[in-house]
Structures are given as structure tokens and as C-alpha cells.
């Protein structure tokens, strides 16, 4: 049997195939979840196969309005699915797809526990060790959040809480640093984005108290209002996009929904 191959860049893991008959955590395949660190605070996924079938993607691809990749590993062609996991400092990318025999560049190949590695990354090796050992895997709270998401979600994310940005990062963000203060009110959250008919995004967050949830909802409405005002009269499409945003509070929970028609979504992609 041919061994799986991994193309490894720093903090990036590429998986050739996934299998297994265990129950899924919503959109998360158990074979991919096995690589996630127990210290992860956020997990996100993108189902490229599904997105490539949408009218919006086909329209943009036909007009050459999608990013181009010089590497022999082209996400638009070779990858079926990408899973991202972060511990707040590092990001591990786990991808399933058709991996070229050797990626571009002068990278030396090395075998590690049945996988072919190109480059060097201790994070990749640690992820392989986790998948092989059958020990502690992805955090239970994150997986429980993922479990309630649609299994066919095209773009999704789950977060266990916002730890905040470092002072130097906040200084670089300028006025956008206010968003950091808002996100600190979030105890946990999940996001889904569907591109099958236009763009439909749903964000759900839980706060520790009803008061925190109210502050969060009011802050999000205020930020959206300011952003809409910043859109000049020469940007009517952007103003229409903010018109499709709704923020609702229900106890400790805040729900944010965004609905954009396909024609509007096309105009917003530059």
C-alpha cells in the first residue's frame, strides 16, 4: 500500500487522504480531527470541492477574478478540504487532496512515521504523533460546538474564547483595536458561510452574562453602523451589503446573520 505523503511547510500539514468510520463532529472528519492539538482554541474549515461547484465561484473563475498560485500545489485544483487549528500562537493547516509527487522548490524529503515530509516543522511532527498515539485530541468544547454545525458546511469556524491581542498588535490596528475589546466579551462562538446561492453567513456567540451579550450586540450594531457611514455615496454596493446584516440578542447568546444576493456578492469582489 502506498504511504501517504505530507508536504510540510512551517506550521503547515498536508494530508493526502483521510478515512475512518467514526462519527463526525459536524463538518469535521475524525481522521483530520486526530491531528488537532488539545491546546487549540479555534478550528476552522473550508470545503473547496463544494465551493468550486457554486455559481459564484464559477462566475469569478470564468472572469479570472480568483487568486493565482505559482506553486505546483494549487488549492483551486489539488485540494478538496482544508482544516485550520490554532492554539492562539501557531496555526496548523491540515489539507486533504491530490498531492503532487514533490512540491515546488528545493526541499529535502524525509520519512516520518509513514509520512513523507518536505521541509522541517516540529509542529507537523507533533501533529503526526497525536494522530498515531490515539491520545488526547481536539478539545471537547470545540468539537461539541462543531457537532451542531451542518455536516455539509462550506466554510465554518468554532472558537472557545478570545484571548486578546498583544499590545504591539493593538497599536498596529489603530481604531480597529476596538474590535479586540468587543471580542473579549465572547466566551465561545461558531460561524458558517454558505455560497450556494449568494452569500449567507451566520455567527453565533455565547457570553458569560446577559449584560455582556447586550454589550456585545450593541457594540456590533455600532461598528456596523460606523462602517456603513464610512461607505461613501460612490460605494452603494457596500452600503447594500450592510443593509443585509442583522444582529439579535437572546439571553447570553448573540446571533449575527448576513445575506447577500449573488449579484451583489459578485460586485463586492474586486
Protein backbone atom coordinates (compact mmCIF):
# COMPACT_ATOMS: atom_id res chain seq x y z
CA UNK A 1 0.00 0.00 0.00
CA UNK A 2 1.33 3.40 -0.94
CA UNK A 3 2.24 5.52 2.05
CA UNK A 4 0.53 8.88 2.49
CA UNK A 5 2.59 11.94 1.65
CA UNK A 6 2.85 15.19 3.55
CA UNK A 7 4.09 18.44 2.12
CA UNK A 8 5.17 20.29 5.24
CA UNK A 9 5.95 23.98 5.47
CA UNK A 10 6.46 25.60 8.89
CA UNK A 11 3.26 25.01 10.87
CA UNK A 12 1.51 23.51 7.85
CA UNK A 13 0.42 19.87 7.42
CA UNK A 14 -0.82 18.47 4.09
CA UNK A 15 -2.79 15.22 4.20
CA UNK A 16 -3.10 13.03 1.13
CA UNK A 17 -6.19 11.14 2.27
CA UNK A 18 -8.50 10.64 5.22
CA UNK A 19 -10.73 7.77 6.18
CA UNK A 20 -12.30 6.07 9.13
CA UNK A 21 -15.76 5.05 10.17
CA UNK A 22 -16.08 7.06 13.38
CA UNK A 23 -18.88 9.56 13.88
CA UNK A 24 -18.21 13.03 12.50
CA UNK A 25 -18.16 16.21 14.54
CA UNK A 26 -20.48 18.13 12.24
CA UNK A 27 -18.25 19.06 9.28
CA UNK A 28 -15.06 17.69 10.92
CA UNK A 29 -13.78 14.30 9.77
CA UNK A 30 -12.46 12.23 12.75
CA UNK A 31 -9.32 11.34 10.81
CA UNK A 32 -8.49 15.04 10.45
CA UNK A 33 -9.54 15.94 14.00
CA UNK A 34 -6.93 13.47 15.29
CA UNK A 35 -4.17 15.91 14.34
CA UNK A 36 -5.61 18.84 16.32
CA UNK A 37 -3.78 19.86 19.49
CA UNK A 38 -5.59 19.65 22.86
CA UNK A 39 -4.49 23.28 23.33
CA UNK A 40 -6.43 24.51 20.30
CA UNK A 41 -8.71 27.49 20.92
CA UNK A 42 -10.05 27.82 17.37
CA UNK A 43 -10.75 25.42 14.50
CA UNK A 44 -11.94 26.36 11.01
CA UNK A 45 -12.61 24.54 7.78
CA UNK A 46 -13.11 25.18 4.06
CA UNK A 47 -14.67 22.60 1.73
CA UNK A 48 -13.10 23.59 -1.57
CA UNK A 49 -14.81 20.85 -3.57
CA UNK A 50 -18.22 22.18 -2.61
CA UNK A 51 -17.28 25.83 -3.15
CA UNK A 52 -15.93 25.12 -6.63
CA UNK A 53 -19.41 23.90 -7.64
CA UNK A 54 -21.18 27.14 -6.69
CA UNK A 55 -22.39 29.62 -9.35
CA UNK A 56 -20.48 32.44 -7.62
CA UNK A 57 -17.16 30.58 -7.76
CA UNK A 58 -17.67 29.56 -11.39
CA UNK A 59 -18.53 33.12 -12.33
CA UNK A 60 -15.41 34.55 -10.68
CA UNK A 61 -13.19 31.77 -12.04
CA UNK A 62 -14.51 32.32 -15.56
CA UNK A 63 -13.61 36.01 -15.31
CA UNK A 64 -10.14 35.28 -13.85
CA UNK A 65 -11.02 37.12 -10.64
CA UNK A 66 -9.62 34.48 -8.30
CA UNK A 67 -6.07 34.44 -6.79
CA UNK A 68 -3.37 32.70 -8.81
CA UNK A 69 -0.86 30.29 -7.30
CA UNK A 70 2.65 29.78 -8.64
CA UNK A 71 3.24 26.62 -6.60
CA UNK A 72 2.75 23.16 -8.09
CA UNK A 73 0.25 22.66 -5.24
CA UNK A 74 -2.75 24.72 -6.34
CA UNK A 75 -5.59 24.97 -3.78
CA UNK A 76 -8.01 25.75 -6.61
CA UNK A 77 -7.25 22.41 -8.25
CA UNK A 78 -5.47 19.96 -5.96
CA UNK A 79 -7.10 20.42 -2.54
CA UNK A 80 -10.52 19.10 -1.53
CA UNK A 81 -10.70 20.38 2.03
CA UNK A 82 -8.64 22.47 4.46
CA UNK A 83 -8.81 22.36 8.26
CA UNK A 84 -7.09 25.07 10.33
CA UNK A 85 -6.38 24.78 14.06
CA UNK A 86 -4.84 27.46 16.26
CA UNK A 87 -3.62 27.44 19.85
CA UNK A 88 -3.55 31.23 19.91
CA UNK A 89 0.09 31.41 18.79
CA UNK A 90 0.58 28.90 15.99
CA UNK A 91 -1.68 27.72 13.18
CA UNK A 92 -1.68 24.16 11.84
CA UNK A 93 -3.19 23.63 8.38
CA UNK A 94 -4.46 20.13 7.57
CA UNK A 95 -5.43 19.63 3.93
CA UNK A 96 -6.96 16.70 2.08
CA UNK A 97 -6.49 16.35 -1.65
CA UNK A 98 -4.29 15.18 -4.51
CA UNK A 99 -0.71 15.89 -3.51
CA UNK A 100 1.97 16.26 -6.25
CA UNK A 101 4.92 13.88 -6.13
CA UNK A 102 7.10 16.77 -4.94
CA UNK A 103 6.16 20.39 -4.29
CA UNK A 104 7.99 23.25 -5.96
CA UNK A 105 11.32 24.41 -4.56
CA UNK A 106 14.47 22.73 -3.30
CA UNK A 107 13.01 20.91 -0.32
CA UNK A 108 14.60 17.75 1.02
CA UNK A 109 12.29 14.78 1.58
CA UNK A 110 12.34 12.82 4.83
CA UNK A 111 10.23 9.94 6.15
CA UNK A 112 8.47 10.31 9.49
CA UNK A 113 6.20 7.55 10.82
CA UNK A 114 4.84 6.60 7.41
CA UNK A 115 4.59 10.13 6.05
CA UNK A 116 6.86 11.91 3.57
CA UNK A 117 7.83 15.35 4.83
CA UNK A 118 9.22 18.19 2.75
CA UNK A 119 10.92 20.81 4.88
CA UNK A 120 11.08 20.78 8.66
CA UNK A 121 8.46 21.56 11.29
CA UNK A 122 8.24 20.27 14.85
CA UNK A 123 4.54 21.23 14.88
CA UNK A 124 3.86 18.90 11.95
CA UNK A 125 5.70 16.04 13.63
CA UNK A 126 3.82 16.64 16.88
CA UNK A 127 0.52 16.51 14.97
CA UNK A 128 1.51 13.20 13.39
CA UNK A 129 2.45 11.85 16.83
CA UNK A 130 -1.00 12.78 18.14
CA UNK A 131 -2.77 11.05 15.28
CA UNK A 132 -0.70 7.89 15.77
CA UNK A 133 -0.92 7.68 19.56
CA UNK A 134 -4.69 7.82 19.85
CA UNK A 135 -4.25 10.01 22.93
CA UNK A 136 -5.83 13.36 23.78
CA UNK A 137 -7.20 15.01 20.68
CA UNK A 138 -9.12 18.15 19.88
CA UNK A 139 -10.68 19.97 22.86
CA UNK A 140 -14.14 18.67 23.72
CA UNK A 141 -15.74 22.14 23.89
CA UNK A 142 -14.60 22.97 20.36
CA UNK A 143 -15.76 19.64 18.97
CA UNK A 144 -19.15 20.00 20.67
CA UNK A 145 -19.54 23.38 19.00
CA UNK A 146 -18.58 21.86 15.66
CA UNK A 147 -21.01 18.95 16.17
CA UNK A 148 -24.07 21.23 15.92
CA UNK A 149 -22.93 22.75 12.60
CA UNK A 150 -24.25 21.37 9.28
CA UNK A 151 -22.15 18.44 8.08
CA UNK A 152 -22.03 19.98 4.60
CA UNK A 153 -20.95 23.47 5.79
CA UNK A 154 -18.75 25.05 3.11
CA UNK A 155 -16.90 27.49 5.36
CA UNK A 156 -17.09 27.24 9.14
CA UNK A 157 -15.26 28.07 12.35
CA UNK A 158 -15.58 27.40 16.09
CA UNK A 159 -13.84 29.39 18.83
CA UNK A 160 -13.62 28.69 22.56
CA UNK A 161 -12.92 32.29 23.54
CA UNK A 162 -10.92 35.36 22.55
CA UNK A 163 -7.63 35.73 24.42
CA UNK A 164 -6.96 39.23 23.15
CA UNK A 165 -4.18 40.72 21.05
CA UNK A 166 -0.74 41.76 22.24
CA UNK A 167 -0.14 45.50 22.87
CA UNK A 168 2.03 45.88 19.77
CA UNK A 169 -0.67 44.26 17.63
CA UNK A 170 -3.30 46.60 19.05
CA UNK A 171 -1.16 49.64 18.21
CA UNK A 172 -0.82 48.47 14.61
CA UNK A 173 -4.59 48.06 14.27
CA UNK A 174 -5.38 51.68 15.19
CA UNK A 175 -9.12 52.26 15.57
CA UNK A 176 -9.79 48.62 14.70
CA UNK A 177 -8.34 47.73 18.10
CA UNK A 178 -11.83 48.44 19.46
CA UNK A 179 -12.84 45.13 17.91
CA UNK A 180 -10.46 43.36 20.31
CA UNK A 181 -12.35 44.82 23.27
CA UNK A 182 -15.64 43.65 21.79
CA UNK A 183 -14.41 40.11 21.14
CA UNK A 184 -13.29 39.76 24.75
CA UNK A 185 -17.00 39.55 25.62
CA UNK A 186 -17.24 36.25 23.70
CA UNK A 187 -16.96 33.02 25.71
CA UNK A 188 -17.42 30.82 22.66
CA UNK A 189 -18.63 31.21 19.09
CA UNK A 190 -19.27 29.47 15.80
CA UNK A 191 -19.53 30.70 12.21
CA UNK A 192 -20.85 29.24 8.98
CA UNK A 193 -20.71 30.71 5.46
CA UNK A 194 -22.68 29.26 2.55
CA UNK A 195 -22.04 30.29 -1.08
CA UNK A 196 -24.56 28.07 -2.84
CA UNK A 197 -26.97 30.93 -3.55
CA UNK A 198 -25.28 34.25 -2.93
CA UNK A 199 -23.52 34.62 0.41
CA UNK A 200 -25.21 33.61 3.66
CA UNK A 201 -23.20 33.92 6.87
CA UNK A 202 -24.37 33.05 10.38
CA UNK A 203 -22.37 33.91 13.52
CA UNK A 204 -23.45 32.75 16.98
CA UNK A 205 -21.65 33.72 20.18
CA UNK A 206 -22.17 32.98 23.87
CA UNK A 207 -21.23 35.40 26.64
CA UNK A 208 -20.86 34.82 30.37
CA UNK A 209 -23.83 37.03 31.26
CA UNK A 210 -26.87 38.61 29.65
CA UNK A 211 -25.28 42.02 30.25
CA UNK A 212 -22.13 41.02 28.35
CA UNK A 213 -24.27 39.72 25.49
CA UNK A 214 -26.19 43.01 25.34
CA UNK A 215 -22.93 44.98 25.30
CA UNK A 216 -21.63 42.74 22.53
CA UNK A 217 -24.79 43.11 20.43
CA UNK A 218 -24.86 46.89 20.87
CA UNK A 219 -21.16 47.13 20.00
CA UNK A 220 -21.56 45.04 16.84
CA UNK A 221 -24.51 47.17 15.72
CA UNK A 222 -22.47 50.30 16.39
CA UNK A 223 -19.45 49.03 14.44
CA UNK A 224 -21.68 48.03 11.52
CA UNK A 225 -23.32 51.46 11.55
CA UNK A 226 -19.98 53.24 11.53
CA UNK A 227 -18.74 51.03 8.69
CA UNK A 228 -21.88 51.77 6.68
CA UNK A 229 -21.43 55.51 7.21
CA UNK A 230 -17.81 55.21 6.08
CA UNK A 231 -19.01 53.78 2.77
CA UNK A 232 -19.25 56.84 0.55
CA UNK A 233 -22.05 57.53 -1.90
CA UNK A 234 -19.74 56.16 -4.57
CA UNK A 235 -19.98 52.72 -2.90
CA UNK A 236 -23.70 51.90 -2.95
CA UNK A 237 -22.98 48.17 -3.23
CA UNK A 238 -21.07 48.22 0.05
CA UNK A 239 -23.92 50.09 1.71
CA UNK A 240 -26.35 47.45 0.44
CA UNK A 241 -24.15 44.77 1.99
CA UNK A 242 -24.51 46.33 5.44
CA UNK A 243 -28.26 46.51 4.92
CA UNK A 244 -28.23 42.69 4.83
CA UNK A 245 -26.70 42.42 8.31
CA UNK A 246 -28.88 41.59 11.32
CA UNK A 247 -27.81 41.41 14.99
CA UNK A 248 -30.11 39.84 17.58
CA UNK A 249 -29.65 39.06 21.28
CA UNK A 250 -31.32 36.14 23.05
CA UNK A 251 -30.21 35.98 26.67
CA UNK A 252 -26.48 35.22 26.78
CA UNK A 253 -26.46 34.48 23.05
CA UNK A 254 -25.93 36.88 20.16
CA UNK A 255 -26.79 35.92 16.59
CA UNK A 256 -25.46 37.78 13.56
CA UNK A 257 -26.73 36.98 10.07
CA UNK A 258 -25.57 38.35 6.73
CA UNK A 259 -27.42 37.69 3.48
CA UNK A 260 -26.10 38.92 0.15
CA UNK A 261 -27.67 38.26 -3.22
CA UNK A 262 -25.40 36.64 -5.79
CA UNK A 263 -25.20 39.75 -7.98
CA UNK A 264 -24.21 41.90 -5.00
CA UNK A 265 -21.58 39.40 -3.87
CA UNK A 266 -20.04 39.46 -7.36
CA UNK A 267 -19.82 43.25 -7.33
CA UNK A 268 -18.08 43.28 -3.94
CA UNK A 269 -15.27 41.02 -5.17
CA UNK A 270 -12.59 43.22 -6.68
